[in-house]
N, C-alpha and C. Protein backbone atom coordinates (compact mmCIF):
# COMPACT_ATOMS: atom_id res chain seq x y z
N MET A 1 0.84 -1.18 0.00
CA MET A 1 0.00 0.00 0.00
C MET A 1 0.88 1.24 0.00
N ASP A 2 0.51 2.22 -0.80
CA ASP A 2 1.28 3.46 -0.88
C ASP A 2 1.06 4.29 0.37
N ASN A 3 2.08 5.06 0.71
CA ASN A 3 1.93 6.00 1.82
C ASN A 3 1.09 7.17 1.35
N LEU A 4 0.14 7.58 2.17
CA LEU A 4 -0.73 8.69 1.82
C LEU A 4 -0.29 9.93 2.57
N ASN A 5 -0.43 11.07 1.91
CA ASN A 5 -0.12 12.31 2.62
C ASN A 5 -1.37 12.76 3.38
N PRO A 6 -1.21 13.67 4.33
CA PRO A 6 -2.34 14.09 5.17
C PRO A 6 -3.56 14.59 4.40
N SER A 7 -3.35 15.31 3.31
CA SER A 7 -4.50 15.82 2.55
C SER A 7 -5.27 14.69 1.87
N GLU A 8 -4.56 13.65 1.44
CA GLU A 8 -5.24 12.49 0.84
C GLU A 8 -6.05 11.73 1.90
N ILE A 9 -5.48 11.58 3.08
CA ILE A 9 -6.19 10.91 4.17
C ILE A 9 -7.44 11.71 4.53
N SER A 10 -7.29 13.02 4.63
CA SER A 10 -8.42 13.89 4.96
C SER A 10 -9.53 13.74 3.92
N GLN A 11 -9.17 13.70 2.65
CA GLN A 11 -10.17 13.58 1.58
C GLN A 11 -10.88 12.23 1.65
N ILE A 12 -10.15 11.17 1.93
CA ILE A 12 -10.76 9.84 2.06
C ILE A 12 -11.77 9.83 3.21
N ILE A 13 -11.40 10.42 4.34
CA ILE A 13 -12.31 10.48 5.49
C ILE A 13 -13.55 11.29 5.14
N LYS A 14 -13.38 12.44 4.50
CA LYS A 14 -14.53 13.27 4.11
C LYS A 14 -15.45 12.51 3.16
N ASP A 15 -14.87 11.81 2.20
CA ASP A 15 -15.68 11.05 1.25
C ASP A 15 -16.48 9.96 1.95
N ARG A 16 -15.85 9.27 2.89
CA ARG A 16 -16.56 8.20 3.62
C ARG A 16 -17.68 8.76 4.48
N ILE A 17 -17.44 9.89 5.13
CA ILE A 17 -18.48 10.53 5.95
C ILE A 17 -19.64 10.96 5.07
N ASN A 18 -19.34 11.55 3.92
CA ASN A 18 -20.40 12.00 3.02
C ASN A 18 -21.21 10.84 2.45
N ASN A 19 -20.62 9.66 2.36
CA ASN A 19 -21.32 8.51 1.80
C ASN A 19 -22.09 7.71 2.84
N LEU A 20 -21.96 8.06 4.12
CA LEU A 20 -22.70 7.35 5.16
C LEU A 20 -24.17 7.70 5.07
N GLU A 21 -25.02 6.71 5.33
CA GLU A 21 -26.45 6.99 5.40
C GLU A 21 -26.73 7.53 6.79
N THR A 22 -27.40 8.66 6.85
CA THR A 22 -27.70 9.25 8.14
C THR A 22 -29.19 9.19 8.42
N SER A 23 -29.51 9.18 9.67
CA SER A 23 -30.90 9.13 10.10
C SER A 23 -31.12 10.17 11.19
N SER A 24 -32.26 10.84 11.14
CA SER A 24 -32.54 11.85 12.15
C SER A 24 -33.59 11.36 13.14
N GLN A 25 -33.75 10.05 13.24
CA GLN A 25 -34.72 9.51 14.19
C GLN A 25 -34.25 9.78 15.61
N GLU A 26 -35.19 10.19 16.44
CA GLU A 26 -34.85 10.45 17.84
C GLU A 26 -35.03 9.16 18.62
N SER A 27 -34.13 8.93 19.53
CA SER A 27 -34.22 7.72 20.35
C SER A 27 -33.95 8.07 21.80
N ASN A 28 -34.73 7.47 22.69
CA ASN A 28 -34.54 7.68 24.12
C ASN A 28 -33.84 6.50 24.77
N GLU A 29 -33.49 5.50 23.98
CA GLU A 29 -32.93 4.26 24.53
C GLU A 29 -31.70 4.52 25.39
N GLY A 30 -30.77 5.32 24.91
CA GLY A 30 -29.55 5.61 25.66
C GLY A 30 -29.83 6.37 26.94
N ARG A 31 -30.76 7.32 26.86
CA ARG A 31 -31.10 8.10 28.05
C ARG A 31 -31.72 7.22 29.12
N LEU A 32 -32.62 6.35 28.72
CA LEU A 32 -33.28 5.48 29.70
C LEU A 32 -32.26 4.56 30.36
N TYR A 33 -31.35 4.02 29.58
CA TYR A 33 -30.32 3.14 30.12
C TYR A 33 -29.47 3.91 31.13
N PHE A 34 -29.06 5.12 30.77
CA PHE A 34 -28.24 5.94 31.66
C PHE A 34 -29.00 6.25 32.94
N TYR A 35 -30.28 6.61 32.82
CA TYR A 35 -31.10 6.93 33.99
C TYR A 35 -31.20 5.73 34.93
N ARG A 36 -31.39 4.55 34.36
CA ARG A 36 -31.49 3.35 35.20
C ARG A 36 -30.18 3.08 35.92
N MET A 37 -29.07 3.26 35.24
CA MET A 37 -27.77 3.01 35.86
C MET A 37 -27.52 4.00 37.00
N VAL A 38 -27.83 5.27 36.77
CA VAL A 38 -27.62 6.29 37.80
C VAL A 38 -28.56 6.05 38.97
N SER A 39 -29.83 5.75 38.68
CA SER A 39 -30.81 5.50 39.74
C SER A 39 -30.38 4.33 40.59
N ARG A 40 -29.92 3.28 39.96
CA ARG A 40 -29.50 2.08 40.67
C ARG A 40 -28.33 2.40 41.59
N GLU A 41 -27.42 3.23 41.11
CA GLU A 41 -26.24 3.59 41.90
C GLU A 41 -26.63 4.33 43.17
N PHE A 42 -27.62 5.22 43.09
CA PHE A 42 -28.03 6.00 44.25
C PHE A 42 -28.96 5.23 45.18
N MET A 43 -29.63 4.19 44.68
CA MET A 43 -30.56 3.43 45.50
C MET A 43 -29.85 2.41 46.37
N ASP A 44 -28.67 1.97 45.95
CA ASP A 44 -27.94 0.94 46.71
C ASP A 44 -27.25 1.52 47.91
């Protein structure tokens, strides 16, 4: 594999980010999990 210069690496990363499928769905799953962990810590 050829060595890449920083600008080539940056361009590859930008291209990959631009090609990702994004979703704007809101989710509470992480918040609920965090709340349960914090609540459990204070209840014990």
